[in-house]
């Protein structure tokens, strides 16, 4: 029983601690990135309204649609992660806790 419990406890501990650290950093970084994106969007809207910038909305919509097709292909990479489910589960639990507390 101990040959199963020790690696499992190790994976849960490392995953939880790593998830907590990652969640804390992620929350701080996403706030900064969201602020930068908002400033850029407001600048583009202002420039378009002023007439200094011309936006091709149809081309923008087509490029966005093409970019989203690559997201669907990323789900194929999930299979190798199933073997590390305890580590991943504790990582996301730590991430969730840190994101809520930070």
PDB file of N, CA and C in Angstrom:
ATOM      1  N   UNK A   1       0.821  -1.205   0.000  1.00  0.00           N
ATOM      2  CA  UNK A   1       0.000   0.000   0.000  1.00  0.00           C
ATOM      3  C   UNK A   1       0.863   1.266   0.000  1.00  0.00           C
ATOM      4  N   UNK A   2       2.015   1.219   0.703  1.00  0.00           N
ATOM      5  CA  UNK A   2       2.828   2.432   0.779  1.00  0.00           C
ATOM      6  C   UNK A   2       3.499   2.751  -0.551  1.00  0.00           C
ATOM      7  N   UNK A   3       3.726   1.732  -1.405  1.00  0.00           N
ATOM      8  CA  UNK A   3       4.324   2.025  -2.707  1.00  0.00           C
ATOM      9  C   UNK A   3       3.356   2.767  -3.616  1.00  0.00           C
ATOM     10  N   UNK A   4       2.088   2.773  -3.263  1.00  0.00           N
ATOM     11  CA  UNK A   4       1.097   3.542  -4.022  1.00  0.00           C
ATOM     12  C   UNK A   4       0.829   4.882  -3.337  1.00  0.00           C
ATOM     13  N   UNK A   5       0.792   4.881  -2.008  1.00  0.00           N
ATOM     14  CA  UNK A   5       0.415   6.088  -1.268  1.00  0.00           C
ATOM     15  C   UNK A   5       1.483   7.170  -1.334  1.00  0.00           C
ATOM     16  N   UNK A   6       2.758   6.791  -1.218  1.00  0.00           N
ATOM     17  CA  UNK A   6       3.827   7.800  -1.191  1.00  0.00           C
ATOM     18  C   UNK A   6       3.895   8.590  -2.495  1.00  0.00           C
ATOM     19  N   UNK A   7       3.918   7.950  -3.662  1.00  0.00           N
ATOM     20  CA  UNK A   7       3.936   8.760  -4.894  1.00  0.00           C
ATOM     21  C   UNK A   7       2.668   9.590  -5.080  1.00  0.00           C
ATOM     22  N   UNK A   8       1.530   9.056  -4.629  1.00  0.00           N
ATOM     23  CA  UNK A   8       0.276   9.790  -4.759  1.00  0.00           C
ATOM     24  C   UNK A   8       0.279  11.037  -3.877  1.00  0.00           C
ATOM     25  N   UNK A   9       0.748  10.886  -2.638  1.00  0.00           N
ATOM     26  CA  UNK A   9       0.819  12.038  -1.739  1.00  0.00           C
ATOM     27  C   UNK A   9       1.816  13.055  -2.272  1.00  0.00           C
ATOM     28  N   UNK A  10       2.923  12.576  -2.815  1.00  0.00           N
ATOM     29  CA  UNK A  10       3.921  13.478  -3.402  1.00  0.00           C
ATOM     30  C   UNK A  10       3.319  14.263  -4.565  1.00  0.00           C
ATOM     31  N   UNK A  11       2.607  13.574  -5.445  1.00  0.00           N
ATOM     32  CA  UNK A  11       1.993  14.259  -6.587  1.00  0.00           C
ATOM     33  C   UNK A  11       0.955  15.275  -6.123  1.00  0.00           C
ATOM     34  N   UNK A  12       0.157  14.902  -5.125  1.00  0.00           N
ATOM     35  CA  UNK A  12      -0.867  15.823  -4.636  1.00  0.00           C
ATOM     36  C   UNK A  12      -0.245  17.046  -3.966  1.00  0.00           C
ATOM     37  N   UNK A  13       0.842  16.842  -3.214  1.00  0.00           N
ATOM     38  CA  UNK A  13       1.502  17.959  -2.540  1.00  0.00           C
ATOM     39  C   UNK A  13       2.173  18.903  -3.532  1.00  0.00           C
ATOM     40  N   UNK A  14       2.957  18.336  -4.432  1.00  0.00           N
ATOM     41  CA  UNK A  14       3.653  19.161  -5.416  1.00  0.00           C
ATOM     42  C   UNK A  14       2.654  19.856  -6.331  1.00  0.00           C
ATOM     43  N   UNK A  15       1.632  19.153  -6.749  1.00  0.00           N
ATOM     44  CA  UNK A  15       0.626  19.754  -7.621  1.00  0.00           C
ATOM     45  C   UNK A  15      -0.139  20.864  -6.934  1.00  0.00           C
ATOM     46  N   UNK A  16      -0.503  20.655  -5.671  1.00  0.00           N
ATOM     47  CA  UNK A  16      -1.241  21.685  -4.944  1.00  0.00           C
ATOM     48  C   UNK A  16      -0.412  22.923  -4.706  1.00  0.00           C
ATOM     49  N   UNK A  17       0.838  22.748  -4.301  1.00  0.00           N
ATOM     50  CA  UNK A  17       1.719  23.883  -4.061  1.00  0.00           C
ATOM     51  C   UNK A  17       2.030  24.619  -5.369  1.00  0.00           C
ATOM     52  N   UNK A  18       2.330  23.859  -6.407  1.00  0.00           N
ATOM     53  CA  UNK A  18       2.597  24.477  -7.709  1.00  0.00           C
ATOM     54  C   UNK A  18       1.382  25.202  -8.245  1.00  0.00           C
ATOM     55  N   UNK A  19       0.220  24.623  -8.067  1.00  0.00           N
ATOM     56  CA  UNK A  19      -1.012  25.265  -8.515  1.00  0.00           C
ATOM     57  C   UNK A  19      -1.295  26.548  -7.764  1.00  0.00           C
ATOM     58  N   UNK A  20      -1.003  26.538  -6.456  1.00  0.00           N
ATOM     59  CA  UNK A  20      -1.205  27.755  -5.667  1.00  0.00           C
ATOM     60  C   UNK A  20      -0.299  28.879  -6.158  1.00  0.00           C
ATOM     61  N   UNK A  21       0.979  28.570  -6.359  1.00  0.00           N
ATOM     62  CA  UNK A  21       1.918  29.589  -6.844  1.00  0.00           C
ATOM     63  C   UNK A  21       1.529  30.098  -8.235  1.00  0.00           C
ATOM     64  N   UNK A  22       1.152  29.169  -9.102  1.00  0.00           N
ATOM     65  CA  UNK A  22       0.757  29.557 -10.448  1.00  0.00           C
ATOM     66  C   UNK A  22      -0.512  30.394 -10.426  1.00  0.00           C
ATOM     67  N   UNK A  23      -1.468  30.032  -9.584  1.00  0.00           N
ATOM     68  CA  UNK A  23      -2.712  30.792  -9.490  1.00  0.00           C
ATOM     69  C   UNK A  23      -2.499  32.202  -8.993  1.00  0.00           C
ATOM     70  N   UNK A  24      -1.610  32.351  -8.014  1.00  0.00           N
ATOM     71  CA  UNK A  24      -1.306  33.686  -7.499  1.00  0.00           C
ATOM     72  C   UNK A  24      -0.686  34.550  -8.590  1.00  0.00           C
ATOM     73  N   UNK A  25       0.300  33.991  -9.287  1.00  0.00           N
ATOM     74  CA  UNK A  25       0.963  34.745 -10.359  1.00  0.00           C
ATOM     75  C   UNK A  25       0.003  35.032 -11.503  1.00  0.00           C
ATOM     76  N   UNK A  26      -0.832  34.037 -11.844  1.00  0.00           N
ATOM     77  CA  UNK A  26      -1.781  34.209 -12.943  1.00  0.00           C
ATOM     78  C   UNK A  26      -2.758  35.343 -12.669  1.00  0.00           C
ATOM     79  N   UNK A  27      -3.227  35.436 -11.429  1.00  0.00           N
ATOM     80  CA  UNK A  27      -4.185  36.491 -11.112  1.00  0.00           C
ATOM     81  C   UNK A  27      -3.551  37.872 -11.245  1.00  0.00           C
ATOM     82  N   UNK A  28      -2.317  38.003 -10.782  1.00  0.00           N
ATOM     83  CA  UNK A  28      -1.642  39.302 -10.873  1.00  0.00           C
ATOM     84  C   UNK A  28      -1.346  39.669 -12.328  1.00  0.00           C
ATOM     85  N   UNK A  29      -0.911  38.699 -13.103  1.00  0.00           N
ATOM     86  CA  UNK A  29      -0.568  38.955 -14.503  1.00  0.00           C
ATOM     87  C   UNK A  29      -1.818  39.256 -15.336  1.00  0.00           C
ATOM     88  N   UNK A  30      -2.905  38.513 -15.099  1.00  0.00           N
ATOM     89  CA  UNK A  30      -4.111  38.733 -15.906  1.00  0.00           C
ATOM     90  C   UNK A  30      -4.730  40.105 -15.651  1.00  0.00           C
ATOM     91  N   UNK A  31      -4.603  40.613 -14.431  1.00  0.00           N
ATOM     92  CA  UNK A  31      -5.106  41.964 -14.183  1.00  0.00           C
ATOM     93  C   UNK A  31      -4.335  42.987 -15.012  1.00  0.00           C
ATOM     94  N   UNK A  32      -3.027  42.831 -15.064  1.00  0.00           N
ATOM     95  CA  UNK A  32      -2.200  43.758 -15.832  1.00  0.00           C
ATOM     96  C   UNK A  32      -2.478  43.631 -17.325  1.00  0.00           C
ATOM     97  N   UNK A  33      -2.584  42.405 -17.829  1.00  0.00           N
ATOM     98  CA  UNK A  33      -2.837  42.179 -19.255  1.00  0.00           C
ATOM     99  C   UNK A  33      -4.215  42.712 -19.648  1.00  0.00           C
ATOM    100  N   UNK A  34      -5.208  42.516 -18.785  1.00  0.00           N
ATOM    101  CA  UNK A  34      -6.544  43.030 -19.081  1.00  0.00           C
ATOM    102  C   UNK A  34      -6.536  44.550 -19.166  1.00  0.00           C
ATOM    103  N   UNK A  35      -5.775  45.188 -18.299  1.00  0.00           N
ATOM    104  CA  UNK A  35      -5.659  46.645 -18.349  1.00  0.00           C
ATOM    105  C   UNK A  35      -5.008  47.095 -19.654  1.00  0.00           C
ATOM    106  N   UNK A  36      -3.927  46.425 -20.063  1.00  0.00           N
ATOM    107  CA  UNK A  36      -3.260  46.784 -21.314  1.00  0.00           C
ATOM    108  C   UNK A  36      -4.167  46.593 -22.526  1.00  0.00           C
ATOM    109  N   UNK A  37      -4.903  45.491 -22.546  1.00  0.00           N
ATOM    110  CA  UNK A  37      -5.819  45.232 -23.658  1.00  0.00           C
ATOM    111  C   UNK A  37      -6.904  46.311 -23.718  1.00  0.00           C
ATOM    112  N   UNK A  38      -7.424  46.697 -22.552  1.00  0.00           N
ATOM    113  CA  UNK A  38      -8.457  47.744 -22.526  1.00  0.00           C
ATOM    114  C   UNK A  38      -7.916  49.068 -23.043  1.00  0.00           C
ATOM    115  N   UNK A  39      -6.686  49.409 -22.682  1.00  0.00           N
ATOM    116  CA  UNK A  39      -6.088  50.659 -23.154  1.00  0.00           C
ATOM    117  C   UNK A  39      -5.898  50.619 -24.665  1.00  0.00           C
ATOM    118  N   UNK A  40      -5.434  49.480 -25.182  1.00  0.00           N
ATOM    119  CA  UNK A  40      -5.228  49.349 -26.636  1.00  0.00           C
ATOM    120  C   UNK A  40      -6.561  49.449 -27.376  1.00  0.00           C
ATOM    121  N   UNK A  41      -7.578  48.766 -26.874  1.00  0.00           N
ATOM    122  CA  UNK A  41      -8.894  48.807 -27.526  1.00  0.00           C
ATOM    123  C   UNK A  41      -9.455  50.229 -27.517  1.00  0.00           C
ATOM    124  N   UNK A  42      -9.329  50.905 -26.384  1.00  0.00           N
ATOM    125  CA  UNK A  42      -9.815  52.287 -26.324  1.00  0.00           C
ATOM    126  C   UNK A  42      -9.049  53.193 -27.272  1.00  0.00           C
ATOM    127  N   UNK A  43      -7.757  52.985 -27.407  1.00  0.00           N
ATOM    128  CA  UNK A  43      -6.954  53.788 -28.336  1.00  0.00           C
ATOM    129  C   UNK A  43      -7.388  53.537 -29.775  1.00  0.00           C
ATOM    130  N   UNK A  44      -7.637  52.285 -30.127  1.00  0.00           N
ATOM    131  CA  UNK A  44      -8.073  51.961 -31.491  1.00  0.00           C
ATOM    132  C   UNK A  44      -9.450  52.556 -31.762  1.00  0.00           C
ATOM    133  N   UNK A  45     -10.351  52.467 -30.802  1.00  0.00           N
ATOM    134  CA  UNK A  45     -11.687  53.047 -30.976  1.00  0.00           C
ATOM    135  C   UNK A  45     -11.593  54.568 -31.149  1.00  0.00           C
ATOM    136  N   UNK A  46     -10.743  55.200 -30.350  1.00  0.00           N
ATOM    137  CA  UNK A  46     -10.580  56.648 -30.471  1.00  0.00           C
ATOM    138  C   UNK A  46     -10.008  57.028 -31.841  1.00  0.00           C
ATOM    139  N   UNK A  47      -8.994  56.295 -32.281  1.00  0.00           N
ATOM    140  CA  UNK A  47      -8.386  56.603 -33.582  1.00  0.00           C
ATOM    141  C   UNK A  47      -9.360  56.343 -34.733  1.00  0.00           C
ATOM    142  N   UNK A  48     -10.170  55.293 -34.626  1.00  0.00           N
ATOM    143  CA  UNK A  48     -11.167  55.020 -35.666  1.00  0.00           C
ATOM    144  C   UNK A  48     -12.242  56.112 -35.675  1.00  0.00           C
ATOM    145  N   UNK A  49     -12.637  56.561 -34.496  1.00  0.00           N
ATOM    146  CA  UNK A  49     -13.645  57.609 -34.409  1.00  0.00           C
ATOM    147  C   UNK A  49     -13.110  58.941 -34.937  1.00  0.00           C
ATOM    148  N   UNK A  50     -11.834  59.194 -34.722  1.00  0.00           N
ATOM    149  CA  UNK A  50     -11.215  60.435 -35.194  1.00  0.00           C
ATOM    150  C   UNK A  50     -10.977  60.436 -36.695  1.00  0.00           C
ATOM    151  N   UNK A  51     -11.036  59.268 -37.305  1.00  0.00           N
ATOM    152  CA  UNK A  51     -10.808  59.177 -38.736  1.00  0.00           C
ATOM    153  C   UNK A  51      -9.353  58.940 -39.097  1.00  0.00           C
ATOM    154  N   UNK A  52      -8.507  58.746 -38.114  1.00  0.00           N
ATOM    155  CA  UNK A  52      -7.090  58.494 -38.373  1.00  0.00           C
ATOM    156  C   UNK A  52      -6.810  57.028 -38.687  1.00  0.00           C
ATOM    157  N   UNK A  53      -7.776  56.176 -38.415  1.00  0.00           N
ATOM    158  CA  UNK A  53      -7.608  54.741 -38.598  1.00  0.00           C
ATOM    159  C   UNK A  53      -8.855  54.172 -39.259  1.00  0.00           C
ATOM    160  N   UNK A  54      -8.658  53.329 -40.262  1.00  0.00           N
ATOM    161  CA  UNK A  54      -9.770  52.691 -40.949  1.00  0.00           C
ATOM    162  C   UNK A  54      -9.714  51.199 -40.649  1.00  0.00           C
ATOM    163  N   UNK A  55     -10.802  50.647 -40.122  1.00  0.00           N
ATOM    164  CA  UNK A  55     -10.838  49.241 -39.707  1.00  0.00           C
ATOM    165  C   UNK A  55     -11.701  48.446 -40.675  1.00  0.00           C
ATOM    166  N   UNK A  56     -11.144  47.351 -41.204  1.00  0.00           N
ATOM    167  CA  UNK A  56     -11.878  46.432 -42.062  1.00  0.00           C
ATOM    168  C   UNK A  56     -12.510  45.363 -41.169  1.00  0.00           C
ATOM    169  N   UNK A  57     -13.752  45.565 -40.775  1.00  0.00           N
ATOM    170  CA  UNK A  57     -14.401  44.676 -39.820  1.00  0.00           C
ATOM    171  C   UNK A  57     -14.684  43.296 -40.407  1.00  0.00           C
ATOM    172  N   UNK A  58     -14.971  43.215 -41.687  1.00  0.00           N
ATOM    173  CA  UNK A  58     -15.226  41.918 -42.315  1.00  0.00           C
ATOM    174  C   UNK A  58     -13.954  41.081 -42.338  1.00  0.00           C
ATOM    175  N   UNK A  59     -12.831  41.681 -42.693  1.00  0.00           N
ATOM    176  CA  UNK A  59     -11.562  40.971 -42.680  1.00  0.00           C
ATOM    177  C   UNK A  59     -11.172  40.547 -41.270  1.00  0.00           C
ATOM    178  N   UNK A  60     -11.451  41.405 -40.292  1.00  0.00           N
ATOM    179  CA  UNK A  60     -11.164  41.076 -38.897  1.00  0.00           C
ATOM    180  C   UNK A  60     -11.985  39.871 -38.446  1.00  0.00           C
ATOM    181  N   UNK A  61     -13.243  39.832 -38.829  1.00  0.00           N
ATOM    182  CA  UNK A  61     -14.106  38.697 -38.463  1.00  0.00           C
ATOM    183  C   UNK A  61     -13.620  37.410 -39.120  1.00  0.00           C
ATOM    184  N   UNK A  62     -13.208  37.473 -40.375  1.00  0.00           N
ATOM    185  CA  UNK A  62     -12.706  36.276 -41.061  1.00  0.00           C
ATOM    186  C   UNK A  62     -11.420  35.755 -40.418  1.00  0.00           C
ATOM    187  N   UNK A  63     -10.507  36.635 -40.075  1.00  0.00           N
ATOM    188  CA  UNK A  63      -9.254  36.220 -39.436  1.00  0.00           C
ATOM    189  C   UNK A  63      -9.503  35.623 -38.057  1.00  0.00           C
ATOM    190  N   UNK A  64     -10.456  36.178 -37.336  1.00  0.00           N
ATOM    191  CA  UNK A  64     -10.795  35.633 -36.020  1.00  0.00           C
ATOM    192  C   UNK A  64     -11.384  34.234 -36.160  1.00  0.00           C
ATOM    193  N   UNK A  65     -12.226  34.032 -37.157  1.00  0.00           N
ATOM    194  CA  UNK A  65     -12.815  32.715 -37.392  1.00  0.00           C
ATOM    195  C   UNK A  65     -11.734  31.692 -37.746  1.00  0.00           C
ATOM    196  N   UNK A  66     -10.773  32.079 -38.555  1.00  0.00           N
ATOM    197  CA  UNK A  66      -9.679  31.177 -38.921  1.00  0.00           C
ATOM    198  C   UNK A  66      -8.809  30.829 -37.720  1.00  0.00           C
ATOM    199  N   UNK A  67      -8.573  31.786 -36.845  1.00  0.00           N
ATOM    200  CA  UNK A  67      -7.748  31.538 -35.665  1.00  0.00           C
ATOM    201  C   UNK A  67      -8.432  30.581 -34.703  1.00  0.00           C
ATOM    202  N   UNK A  68      -9.752  30.628 -34.633  1.00  0.00           N
ATOM    203  CA  UNK A  68     -10.479  29.757 -33.704  1.00  0.00           C
ATOM    204  C   UNK A  68     -10.478  28.292 -34.147  1.00  0.00           C
ATOM    205  N   UNK A  69     -10.194  28.016 -35.403  1.00  0.00           N
ATOM    206  CA  UNK A  69     -10.132  26.615 -35.833  1.00  0.00           C
ATOM    207  C   UNK A  69      -8.925  25.914 -35.220  1.00  0.00           C
ATOM    208  N   UNK A  70      -7.862  26.646 -34.927  1.00  0.00           N
ATOM    209  CA  UNK A  70      -6.684  26.042 -34.307  1.00  0.00           C
ATOM    210  C   UNK A  70      -6.937  25.659 -32.861  1.00  0.00           C
ATOM    211  N   UNK A  71      -7.876  26.308 -32.207  1.00  0.00           N
ATOM    212  CA  UNK A  71      -8.189  25.980 -30.822  1.00  0.00           C
ATOM    213  C   UNK A  71      -8.790  24.581 -30.731  1.00  0.00           C
ATOM    214  N   UNK A  72      -9.602  24.208 -31.689  1.00  0.00           N
ATOM    215  CA  UNK A  72     -10.201  22.872 -31.690  1.00  0.00           C
ATOM    216  C   UNK A  72      -9.168  21.769 -31.827  1.00  0.00           C
ATOM    217  N   UNK A  73      -8.087  22.033 -32.524  1.00  0.00           N
ATOM    218  CA  UNK A  73      -7.041  21.031 -32.691  1.00  0.00           C
ATOM    219  C   UNK A  73      -6.240  20.825 -31.414  1.00  0.00           C
ATOM    220  N   UNK A  74      -6.255  21.764 -30.512  1.00  0.00           N
ATOM    221  CA  UNK A  74      -5.470  21.663 -29.280  1.00  0.00           C
ATOM    222  C   UNK A  74      -6.030  20.604 -28.334  1.00  0.00           C
ATOM    223  N   UNK A  75      -7.293  20.254 -28.459  1.00  0.00           N
ATOM    224  CA  UNK A  75      -7.890  19.284 -27.561  1.00  0.00           C
ATOM    225  C   UNK A  75      -7.361  17.869 -27.792  1.00  0.00           C
ATOM    226  N   UNK A  76      -6.715  17.618 -28.903  1.00  0.00           N
ATOM    227  CA  UNK A  76      -6.130  16.308 -29.181  1.00  0.00           C
ATOM    228  C   UNK A  76      -4.973  16.030 -28.224  1.00  0.00           C
ATOM    229  N   UNK A  77      -4.344  17.058 -27.715  1.00  0.00           N
ATOM    230  CA  UNK A  77      -3.184  16.914 -26.837  1.00  0.00           C
ATOM    231  C   UNK A  77      -3.557  16.555 -25.403  1.00  0.00           C
ATOM    232  N   UNK A  78      -4.818  16.381 -25.088  1.00  0.00           N
ATOM    233  CA  UNK A  78      -5.240  16.123 -23.713  1.00  0.00           C
ATOM    234  C   UNK A  78      -4.929  14.697 -23.254  1.00  0.00           C
ATOM    235  N   UNK A  79      -4.871  13.737 -24.143  1.00  0.00           N
ATOM    236  CA  UNK A  79      -4.705  12.336 -23.769  1.00  0.00           C
ATOM    237  C   UNK A  79      -3.491  12.058 -22.884  1.00  0.00           C
ATOM    238  N   UNK A  80      -2.299  12.608 -23.134  1.00  0.00           N
ATOM    239  CA  UNK A  80      -1.161  12.324 -22.241  1.00  0.00           C
ATOM    240  C   UNK A  80      -1.350  12.832 -20.815  1.00  0.00           C
ATOM    241  N   UNK A  81      -2.179  13.817 -20.628  1.00  0.00           N
ATOM    242  CA  UNK A  81      -2.381  14.368 -19.294  1.00  0.00           C
ATOM    243  C   UNK A  81      -3.210  13.455 -18.395  1.00  0.00           C
ATOM    244  N   UNK A  82      -3.942  12.528 -18.961  1.00  0.00           N
ATOM    245  CA  UNK A  82      -4.778  11.652 -18.147  1.00  0.00           C
ATOM    246  C   UNK A  82      -3.956  10.766 -17.221  1.00  0.00           C
ATOM    247  N   UNK A  83      -2.724  10.459 -17.598  1.00  0.00           N
ATOM    248  CA  UNK A  83      -1.883   9.633 -16.735  1.00  0.00           C
ATOM    249  C   UNK A  83      -1.409  10.403 -15.508  1.00  0.00           C
ATOM    250  N   UNK A  84      -1.434  11.705 -15.561  1.00  0.00           N
ATOM    251  CA  UNK A  84      -1.025  12.536 -14.431  1.00  0.00           C
ATOM    252  C   UNK A  84      -2.210  13.225 -13.773  1.00  0.00           C
ATOM    253  N   UNK A  85      -3.328  12.545 -13.724  1.00  0.00           N
ATOM    254  CA  UNK A  85      -4.553  13.150 -13.213  1.00  0.00           C
ATOM    255  C   UNK A  85      -4.455  13.621 -11.760  1.00  0.00           C
ATOM    256  N   UNK A  86      -3.841  12.871 -10.825  1.00  0.00           N
ATOM    257  CA  UNK A  86      -3.751  13.398  -9.451  1.00  0.00           C
ATOM    258  C   UNK A  86      -2.939  14.689  -9.368  1.00  0.00           C
ATOM    259  N   UNK A  87      -1.835  14.744 -10.088  1.00  0.00           N
ATOM    260  CA  UNK A  87      -1.002  15.949 -10.085  1.00  0.00           C
ATOM    261  C   UNK A  87      -1.774  17.116 -10.677  1.00  0.00           C
ATOM    262  N   UNK A  88      -2.451  16.880 -11.769  1.00  0.00           N
ATOM    263  CA  UNK A  88      -3.190  17.949 -12.435  1.00  0.00           C
ATOM    264  C   UNK A  88      -4.369  18.407 -11.572  1.00  0.00           C
ATOM    265  N   UNK A  89      -5.053  17.455 -10.946  1.00  0.00           N
ATOM    266  CA  UNK A  89      -6.191  17.806 -10.094  1.00  0.00           C
ATOM    267  C   UNK A  89      -5.779  18.660  -8.914  1.00  0.00           C
ATOM    268  N   UNK A  90      -4.702  18.269  -8.228  1.00  0.00           N
ATOM    269  CA  UNK A  90      -4.251  19.060  -7.084  1.00  0.00           C
ATOM    270  C   UNK A  90      -3.680  20.400  -7.537  1.00  0.00           C
ATOM    271  N   UNK A  91      -3.072  20.433  -8.716  1.00  0.00           N
ATOM    272  CA  UNK A  91      -2.558  21.690  -9.256  1.00  0.00           C
ATOM    273  C   UNK A  91      -3.703  22.677  -9.455  1.00  0.00           C
ATOM    274  N   UNK A  92      -4.789  22.214 -10.060  1.00  0.00           N
ATOM    275  CA  UNK A  92      -5.900  23.122 -10.317  1.00  0.00           C
ATOM    276  C   UNK A  92      -6.643  23.485  -9.032  1.00  0.00           C
ATOM    277  N   UNK A  93      -6.626  22.599  -8.042  1.00  0.00           N
ATOM    278  CA  UNK A  93      -7.217  22.940  -6.752  1.00  0.00           C
ATOM    279  C   UNK A  93      -6.403  24.048  -6.087  1.00  0.00           C
ATOM    280  N   UNK A  94      -5.075  23.920  -6.105  1.00  0.00           N
ATOM    281  CA  UNK A  94      -4.225  24.980  -5.578  1.00  0.00           C
ATOM    282  C   UNK A  94      -4.374  26.265  -6.361  1.00  0.00           C
ATOM    283  N   UNK A  95      -4.490  26.160  -7.675  1.00  0.00           N
ATOM    284  CA  UNK A  95      -4.687  27.323  -8.530  1.00  0.00           C
ATOM    285  C   UNK A  95      -5.979  28.040  -8.173  1.00  0.00           C
ATOM    286  N   UNK A  96      -7.040  27.277  -7.961  1.00  0.00           N
ATOM    287  CA  UNK A  96      -8.327  27.853  -7.618  1.00  0.00           C
ATOM    288  C   UNK A  96      -8.270  28.554  -6.266  1.00  0.00           C
ATOM    289  N   UNK A  97      -7.640  27.904  -5.291  1.00  0.00           N
ATOM    290  CA  UNK A  97      -7.538  28.501  -3.963  1.00  0.00           C
ATOM    291  C   UNK A  97      -6.742  29.796  -4.000  1.00  0.00           C
ATOM    292  N   UNK A  98      -5.610  29.776  -4.695  1.00  0.00           N
ATOM    293  CA  UNK A  98      -4.786  30.987  -4.776  1.00  0.00           C
ATOM    294  C   UNK A  98      -5.496  32.088  -5.529  1.00  0.00           C
ATOM    295  N   UNK A  99      -6.228  31.729  -6.570  1.00  0.00           N
ATOM    296  CA  UNK A  99      -6.911  32.744  -7.372  1.00  0.00           C
ATOM    297  C   UNK A  99      -8.018  33.416  -6.562  1.00  0.00           C
ATOM    298  N   UNK A 100      -8.647  32.647  -5.689  1.00  0.00           N
ATOM    299  CA  UNK A 100      -9.720  33.216  -4.856  1.00  0.00           C
ATOM    300  C   UNK A 100      -9.160  34.040  -3.700  1.00  0.00           C
ATOM    301  N   UNK A 101      -8.031  33.618  -3.131  1.00  0.00           N
ATOM    302  CA  UNK A 101      -7.495  34.295  -1.954  1.00  0.00           C
ATOM    303  C   UNK A 101      -6.609  35.486  -2.286  1.00  0.00           C
ATOM    304  N   UNK A 102      -5.967  35.460  -3.442  1.00  0.00           N
ATOM    305  CA  UNK A 102      -4.990  36.527  -3.756  1.00  0.00           C
ATOM    306  C   UNK A 102      -5.666  37.808  -4.152  1.00  0.00           C
TER     307      UNK A 102
END
